Each structure stands twice: as structure tokens, then as C-alpha cells.
Amino acid sequence: MHVQQYASMQSTDQTIFQSIKSGDEKALEMLFKEYYQPLCRYANSYLEDSDDAEEVVQNCFIKLWEKKENINIQSSVKSYLYQTIRNSCLNEIKHQKVKKNYGDMLAQQGEQYSESSDQSTLKGELEEKIALALQALPQQCRLIFTMSRFEELKYQEIADQLNLSIKTVENQMGKALKLMRIQLQEYLPLIAIFLNIILE
């Protein structure tokens, strides 16, 4: 390209831009028609998404119009537009990366919360099943089972507290375990895992 042609193009661009600065919408429209497609292709080379690329270019022209009075272009209007698009694309890439990282973090927290919530619900259900099974036990059986499994007392300690022989405590405990296993047959492995109660 000859220097004269380049100077002529630069002069035309500057003239259009000066018209935009003075509020001429037609001048903006001319600039938009001339550069919109090439700028979209340029933006697309960064973003690899045509919708995002078009949005960046459209925003560039919107900002150009909104800030027209304060923009001072030292080089050509074309250079200014391409530089603006490049910066906007890099910001968009950074923004998308941050958004993705944040989304991944939320998803991970959501999974952990869901897992924790599910476990908490299951634990609550198991405790309810055990409470119902306990209510079905004869009173002495229930008391001895509770002292052994929940208060973690030894048979001798239970015998001393209830003024019973160890043999009676063992028999009552055996009876309680048998009845509890029948009542909670479907839940035995889960009770062992989530409540750490072994019904053996």
C-alpha cells in the first residue's frame, strides 16, 4: 500500500471518528458496517465462540459511542478498534476462567453438601428405626441394652448398678440383641457403618 493511500485511509477514519465525537450516529454506523465482520473474526480467534465474539465487538461499539467525547485516538481508528477488541477478549478469557473455577468449586461443595446431607438423613432414619425397635423390647432388656451399647458400660458395671448377677445381664443382653437383630435385619450393615453399633 502506498503511503498516500495509507494517509488517505487514516484521514478518512479520523474524519469519521471526529464525526462520531460530535454525535453523528451515521458516522458510527459507517464504522460499524466497515469493521464489524473483520473484528468478529478477530475476536473469534481468541474466544473460539462466535456468540461471545459478537458480543465483545458489539460492546466495543457501544462503549465507543458512550465514551466518544473522552476517547483520544493517537493512531488509526482501525488500530484502536483492534486493540480494544484484543483487550476485551483477554478480559473475557480471564473472566470465563474465574467463572469456571468458581463453578467447579460450587459444584464440588454441592456434591459434598449433598453427600453429607444424604448421610445425615440416613443416620436420622436409622436412629429412628433403632428407637422403635428398643421400644418393642421388654423393660429390663431395653435398659441393659441401652447401658451396654449407648453408655458403653461393661456387664459387671451394669450388674453392679442394677443389682443383678452378671449371668442375668448376659442373658438379658443376649435376648435384647436377638430381638433387635430380628427387628432391624435389613439395616444391620448400615447401623454398623453409620452409628457404629454392632448388634452381635
Protein backbone atom coordinates (compact mmCIF):
# COMPACT_ATOMS: atom_id res chain seq x y z
CA MET A 1 0.00 0.00 0.00
CA HIS A 2 1.33 3.44 -0.94
CA VAL A 3 1.98 5.97 1.80
CA GLN A 4 -0.51 8.32 0.13
CA GLN A 5 -3.29 5.67 0.21
CA TYR A 6 -2.50 4.84 3.85
CA ALA A 7 -2.57 8.54 4.77
CA SER A 8 -5.86 8.89 2.92
CA MET A 9 -7.42 5.94 4.81
CA GLN A 10 -6.16 7.23 8.13
CA SER A 11 -7.54 10.64 7.32
CA THR A 12 -10.95 9.11 6.45
CA ASP A 13 -11.02 7.12 9.68
CA GLN A 14 -10.11 10.19 11.69
CA THR A 15 -12.80 12.19 9.93
CA ILE A 16 -15.40 9.52 10.71
CA PHE A 17 -14.24 9.40 14.31
CA GLN A 18 -14.40 13.17 14.68
CA SER A 19 -17.98 12.99 13.38
CA ILE A 20 -18.74 10.29 15.98
CA LYS A 21 -17.25 12.52 18.71
CA SER A 22 -19.61 15.27 17.68
CA GLY A 23 -22.59 12.87 17.98
CA ASP A 24 -23.10 11.76 14.37
CA GLU A 25 -24.84 8.37 14.54
CA LYS A 26 -24.46 7.80 10.80
CA ALA A 27 -20.68 8.01 11.17
CA LEU A 28 -20.85 5.29 13.85
CA GLU A 29 -23.00 3.19 11.55
CA MET A 30 -20.43 3.55 8.74
CA LEU A 31 -17.62 2.48 11.05
CA PHE A 32 -19.71 -0.42 12.34
CA LYS A 33 -20.50 -1.69 8.83
CA GLU A 34 -16.87 -1.49 7.77
CA TYR A 35 -15.26 -3.18 10.76
CA TYR A 36 -17.92 -5.37 12.38
CA GLN A 37 -17.28 -8.62 10.46
CA PRO A 38 -13.44 -8.41 10.48
CA LEU A 39 -13.48 -7.59 14.20
CA CYS A 40 -15.81 -10.56 14.89
CA ARG A 41 -13.39 -12.86 13.08
CA TYR A 42 -10.51 -11.37 15.06
CA ALA A 43 -12.36 -11.78 18.38
CA ASN A 44 -13.35 -15.32 17.42
CA SER A 45 -9.67 -16.24 17.03
CA TYR A 46 -9.29 -15.52 20.76
CA LEU A 47 -12.58 -16.76 22.16
CA GLU A 48 -13.41 -19.64 19.80
CA ASP A 49 -17.10 -18.93 20.29
CA SER A 50 -18.89 -16.83 17.68
CA ASP A 51 -21.62 -15.62 20.08
CA ASP A 52 -19.07 -14.43 22.63
CA ALA A 53 -17.02 -12.83 19.86
CA GLU A 54 -20.01 -10.90 18.50
CA GLU A 55 -20.95 -9.74 21.99
CA VAL A 56 -17.44 -8.41 22.59
CA VAL A 57 -17.48 -6.48 19.28
CA GLN A 58 -20.96 -5.07 19.90
CA ASN A 59 -19.92 -3.93 23.38
CA CYS A 60 -16.84 -2.30 21.87
CA PHE A 61 -19.01 -0.12 19.60
CA ILE A 62 -21.47 0.63 22.41
CA LYS A 63 -18.60 1.83 24.62
CA LEU A 64 -17.11 3.80 21.75
CA TRP A 65 -20.40 5.68 21.41
CA GLU A 66 -20.93 6.11 25.14
CA LYS A 67 -17.42 7.43 25.76
CA LYS A 68 -16.94 9.16 22.43
CA GLU A 69 -16.23 12.56 23.95
CA ASN A 70 -13.43 11.23 26.18
CA ILE A 71 -11.68 8.89 23.73
CA ASN A 72 -8.50 10.23 22.21
CA ILE A 73 -7.13 8.13 19.33
CA GLN A 74 -3.47 8.76 18.60
CA SER A 75 -3.01 6.06 15.94
CA SER A 76 -5.62 4.98 13.40
CA VAL A 77 -9.20 4.19 14.35
CA LYS A 78 -8.65 0.68 12.98
CA SER A 79 -5.67 0.10 15.31
CA TYR A 80 -7.70 1.44 18.22
CA LEU A 81 -10.61 -0.90 17.49
CA TYR A 82 -8.41 -3.98 17.13
CA GLN A 83 -6.51 -3.13 20.31
CA THR A 84 -9.79 -2.64 22.19
CA ILE A 85 -11.13 -5.98 20.94
CA ARG A 86 -7.90 -7.74 21.91
CA ASN A 87 -8.03 -6.35 25.46
CA SER A 88 -11.73 -7.18 25.77
CA CYS A 89 -11.11 -10.76 24.59
CA LEU A 90 -8.28 -11.25 27.08
CA ASN A 91 -10.51 -9.92 29.87
CA GLU A 92 -13.32 -12.22 28.75
CA ILE A 93 -10.98 -15.24 28.78
CA LYS A 94 -9.85 -14.30 32.28
CA HIS A 95 -13.45 -13.82 33.38
CA GLN A 96 -14.52 -17.18 31.92
CA LYS A 97 -11.63 -18.89 33.68
CA VAL A 98 -12.57 -17.34 37.03
CA LYS A 99 -16.24 -18.25 36.42
CA LYS A 100 -15.30 -21.84 35.58
CA ASN A 101 -13.10 -22.18 38.68
CA TYR A 102 -15.86 -20.73 40.82
CA GLY A 103 -18.42 -23.04 39.18
CA ASP A 104 -16.18 -26.06 39.78
CA MET A 105 -15.75 -25.05 43.41
CA LEU A 106 -19.51 -24.65 43.91
CA ALA A 107 -20.19 -27.99 42.21
CA GLN A 108 -17.65 -29.68 44.47
CA GLN A 109 -19.14 -28.07 47.56
CA GLY A 110 -22.61 -29.03 46.33
CA GLU A 111 -21.59 -32.67 45.96
CA GLN A 112 -20.02 -32.66 49.42
CA TYR A 113 -23.08 -31.00 50.89
CA SER A 114 -25.41 -33.42 49.10
CA GLU A 115 -23.36 -36.39 50.27
CA SER A 116 -23.25 -35.04 53.82
CA SER A 117 -26.97 -34.26 53.69
CA ASP A 118 -27.80 -37.77 52.42
CA GLN A 119 -25.70 -39.36 55.16
CA SER A 120 -27.30 -37.16 57.80
CA THR A 121 -30.80 -38.14 56.59
CA LEU A 122 -29.90 -41.83 56.55
CA LYS A 123 -28.38 -41.62 60.02
CA GLY A 124 -31.54 -39.96 61.31
CA GLU A 125 -33.70 -42.70 59.78
CA LEU A 126 -31.55 -45.45 61.31
CA GLU A 127 -31.70 -43.84 64.75
CA GLU A 128 -35.49 -43.71 64.41
CA LYS A 129 -35.62 -47.43 63.47
CA ILE A 130 -33.43 -48.32 66.48
CA ALA A 131 -35.63 -46.23 68.81
CA LEU A 132 -38.73 -48.08 67.58
CA ALA A 133 -37.01 -51.48 67.97
CA LEU A 134 -35.92 -50.52 71.50
CA GLN A 135 -39.49 -49.60 72.45
CA ALA A 136 -40.56 -53.12 71.47
CA LEU A 137 -38.12 -54.70 73.98
CA PRO A 138 -39.14 -55.72 77.49
CA GLN A 139 -38.18 -53.02 80.00
CA GLN A 140 -35.19 -54.80 81.60
CA CYS A 141 -33.83 -55.86 78.19
CA ARG A 142 -34.14 -52.29 76.93
CA LEU A 143 -32.36 -50.84 79.95
CA ILE A 144 -29.46 -53.31 79.79
CA PHE A 145 -29.07 -52.87 76.01
CA THR A 146 -29.02 -49.06 76.37
CA MET A 147 -26.42 -49.19 79.15
CA SER A 148 -24.23 -51.60 77.17
CA ARG A 149 -24.42 -50.16 73.66
CA PHE A 150 -25.07 -46.46 74.24
CA GLU A 151 -23.43 -45.81 77.59
CA GLU A 152 -20.68 -48.38 76.80
CA LEU A 153 -20.75 -49.92 80.26
CA LYS A 154 -19.26 -53.37 80.90
CA TYR A 155 -21.53 -56.22 82.01
CA GLN A 156 -20.04 -56.11 85.53
CA GLU A 157 -20.77 -52.34 85.78
CA ILE A 158 -24.36 -52.91 84.60
CA ALA A 159 -24.80 -55.77 87.07
CA ASP A 160 -23.49 -53.59 89.92
CA GLN A 161 -25.72 -50.63 89.03
CA LEU A 162 -28.88 -52.72 88.60
CA ASN A 163 -28.07 -55.06 91.47
CA LEU A 164 -28.22 -58.09 89.16
CA SER A 165 -25.92 -61.04 88.59
CA ILE A 166 -23.61 -60.95 85.55
CA LYS A 167 -25.39 -64.10 84.30
CA THR A 168 -28.73 -62.25 84.29
CA VAL A 169 -27.19 -59.28 82.46
CA GLU A 170 -25.66 -61.61 79.84
CA ASN A 171 -28.96 -63.43 79.32
CA GLN A 172 -30.97 -60.22 79.06
CA MET A 173 -28.39 -58.74 76.66
CA GLY A 174 -28.49 -61.87 74.51
CA LYS A 175 -32.29 -61.65 74.39
CA ALA A 176 -32.16 -57.93 73.53
CA LEU A 177 -29.65 -58.47 70.71
CA LYS A 178 -31.69 -61.32 69.25
CA LEU A 179 -34.90 -59.26 69.22
CA MET A 180 -33.10 -56.18 67.86
CA ARG A 181 -31.49 -58.20 65.03
CA ILE A 182 -34.91 -59.54 64.02
CA GLN A 183 -36.46 -56.05 64.08
CA LEU A 184 -33.56 -54.39 62.22
CA GLN A 185 -32.49 -57.23 59.92
CA GLU A 186 -32.48 -55.08 56.74
CA TYR A 187 -30.43 -52.31 58.35
CA LEU A 188 -27.69 -54.20 60.25
CA PRO A 189 -24.73 -53.28 57.94
CA LEU A 190 -25.83 -49.63 57.75
CA ILE A 191 -26.24 -49.39 61.53
CA ALA A 192 -22.71 -50.75 61.98
CA ILE A 193 -21.29 -48.23 59.44
CA PHE A 194 -23.20 -45.04 60.33
CA LEU A 195 -23.92 -45.50 64.04
CA ASN A 196 -21.05 -47.78 64.98
CA ILE A 197 -23.46 -50.08 66.81
CA ILE A 198 -22.77 -53.79 66.42
CA LEU A 199 -25.84 -55.93 67.08
CA GLU A 200 -23.88 -59.14 67.67
